[in-house]
C-alpha cells in the first residue's frame, strides 16, 4: 500500500510552529483510510487518524492517536532484540482485534 501526501500545514503558532505533511493511505482490509501527520524536517510522526466502517455492523468509526515525547536516536538498540523466550514462537504480523476481542480490526507489527 502506498501513502499519498494530501496536505501541507503547520502545528503551533508563529515562531513556535512545526511544518508537517498529512499523508493518506487506503486501508482496504478495514474498509477505511489512515491519515498520518509527519514533521517535514525530521520525519517524526505526530499523529494518526483511522476512519472506516466495521464489517459486521456497518457502523462507522474513527480512531485518533497522538505521539509525544519523541527524541531523536535510539538510546538502547537492544530494545529491538527478540526475548529468548519468544525465539520459538511464531510472530503475528496481523492481529484481528475484532475477531479476538470484539472491537476494531487493526494492523500492527509484531512486538517481538
Protein backbone atom coordinates (compact mmCIF):
# COMPACT_ATOMS: atom_id res chain seq x y z
CA UNK A 1 0.00 0.00 0.00
CA UNK A 2 1.21 3.47 -0.77
CA UNK A 3 0.52 6.71 1.05
CA UNK A 4 -0.02 9.97 -0.77
CA UNK A 5 0.51 13.49 0.54
CA UNK A 6 -2.83 15.28 0.93
CA UNK A 7 -1.97 18.43 2.90
CA UNK A 8 0.95 20.61 3.94
CA UNK A 9 0.25 22.62 7.08
CA UNK A 10 1.76 23.58 10.42
CA UNK A 11 1.13 22.93 14.09
CA UNK A 12 1.53 25.69 16.64
CA UNK A 13 1.81 29.42 16.10
CA UNK A 14 4.32 31.92 14.73
CA UNK A 15 7.95 31.12 15.62
CA UNK A 16 6.92 28.01 17.55
CA UNK A 17 5.15 26.33 14.64
CA UNK A 18 6.13 22.96 13.21
CA UNK A 19 5.74 22.30 9.47
CA UNK A 20 4.02 18.97 8.82
CA UNK A 21 2.60 16.94 5.95
CA UNK A 22 -0.53 14.81 6.19
CA UNK A 23 -0.47 11.55 4.23
CA UNK A 24 -3.47 9.39 3.37
CA UNK A 25 -3.42 5.65 2.78
CA UNK A 26 -6.41 3.49 1.78
CA UNK A 27 -6.94 0.57 4.17
CA UNK A 28 -8.98 -1.94 2.19
CA UNK A 29 -8.94 -4.61 4.89
CA UNK A 30 -10.65 -2.31 7.38
CA UNK A 31 -12.80 -0.51 4.82
CA UNK A 32 -11.34 2.89 5.52
CA UNK A 33 -8.39 5.25 5.42
CA UNK A 34 -5.40 6.12 7.59
CA UNK A 35 -4.14 9.69 7.82
CA UNK A 36 -0.58 10.17 9.14
CA UNK A 37 0.84 13.53 10.19
CA UNK A 38 4.65 13.66 9.85
CA UNK A 39 7.04 16.56 10.51
CA UNK A 40 8.77 17.86 7.39
CA UNK A 41 12.16 18.43 8.97
CA UNK A 42 12.94 15.10 10.66
CA UNK A 43 10.05 12.84 9.51
CA UNK A 44 8.82 12.46 13.10
CA UNK A 45 5.30 11.02 13.43
CA UNK A 46 2.92 13.46 15.11
CA UNK A 47 -0.39 11.64 14.86
CA UNK A 48 -2.58 9.14 13.05
CA UNK A 49 -6.31 9.02 12.40
CA UNK A 50 -8.02 5.90 11.10
CA UNK A 51 -11.56 6.04 9.70
CA UNK A 52 -13.73 3.30 8.28
CA UNK A 53 -16.75 1.06 8.64
CA UNK A 54 -16.93 -2.03 10.85
CA UNK A 55 -17.56 -5.07 8.65
CA UNK A 56 -20.15 -6.82 10.80
CA UNK A 57 -22.29 -3.90 11.92
CA UNK A 58 -21.68 -1.39 9.15
CA UNK A 59 -21.05 1.20 11.87
CA UNK A 60 -18.60 3.98 11.05
CA UNK A 61 -15.66 4.62 13.34
CA UNK A 62 -12.75 6.99 13.83
CA UNK A 63 -9.64 6.36 15.93
CA UNK A 64 -7.04 9.03 16.67
CA UNK A 65 -3.54 8.60 18.12
CA UNK A 66 -1.08 11.34 19.07
CA UNK A 67 2.64 10.77 19.56
CA UNK A 68 4.52 12.69 22.26
CA UNK A 69 7.89 12.64 23.99
CA UNK A 70 9.78 11.54 20.89
CA UNK A 71 13.53 12.16 20.96
CA UNK A 72 15.96 11.60 18.08
CA UNK A 73 18.11 8.50 18.05
CA UNK A 74 17.86 5.13 19.75
CA UNK A 75 19.35 5.13 23.23
CA UNK A 76 19.47 1.35 23.51
CA UNK A 77 19.16 -0.63 20.26
CA UNK A 78 18.78 -3.83 22.30
CA UNK A 79 15.10 -2.92 22.75
CA UNK A 80 14.64 -4.41 19.25
CA UNK A 81 16.15 -7.78 20.20
CA UNK A 82 13.63 -10.59 20.47
CA UNK A 83 13.48 -12.03 24.02
CA UNK A 84 14.86 -15.60 24.24
CA UNK A 85 11.50 -16.92 25.40
CA UNK A 86 9.96 -15.78 22.11
CA UNK A 87 12.50 -17.33 19.74
CA UNK A 88 10.44 -20.48 19.27
CA UNK A 89 7.10 -18.69 18.86
CA UNK A 90 5.63 -17.62 15.54
CA UNK A 91 5.40 -13.87 15.06
CA UNK A 92 1.98 -12.50 14.23
CA UNK A 93 2.04 -9.66 11.70
CA UNK A 94 -1.71 -9.09 11.59
CA UNK A 95 -3.90 -9.06 14.66
CA UNK A 96 -7.64 -9.16 14.09
CA UNK A 97 -8.82 -7.49 17.28
CA UNK A 98 -12.47 -7.59 16.21
CA UNK A 99 -12.46 -11.38 15.97
CA UNK A 100 -10.37 -11.85 19.11
CA UNK A 101 -11.82 -9.20 21.39
CA UNK A 102 -14.92 -7.80 19.67
CA UNK A 103 -13.58 -4.44 18.53
CA UNK A 104 -11.82 -2.71 15.64
CA UNK A 105 -9.57 -4.59 13.23
CA UNK A 106 -6.10 -3.06 13.33
CA UNK A 107 -2.91 -3.99 11.55
CA UNK A 108 0.14 -3.88 13.76
CA UNK A 109 3.69 -5.10 13.66
CA UNK A 110 4.77 -7.84 15.98
CA UNK A 111 6.00 -6.51 19.32
CA UNK A 112 8.76 -9.10 19.45
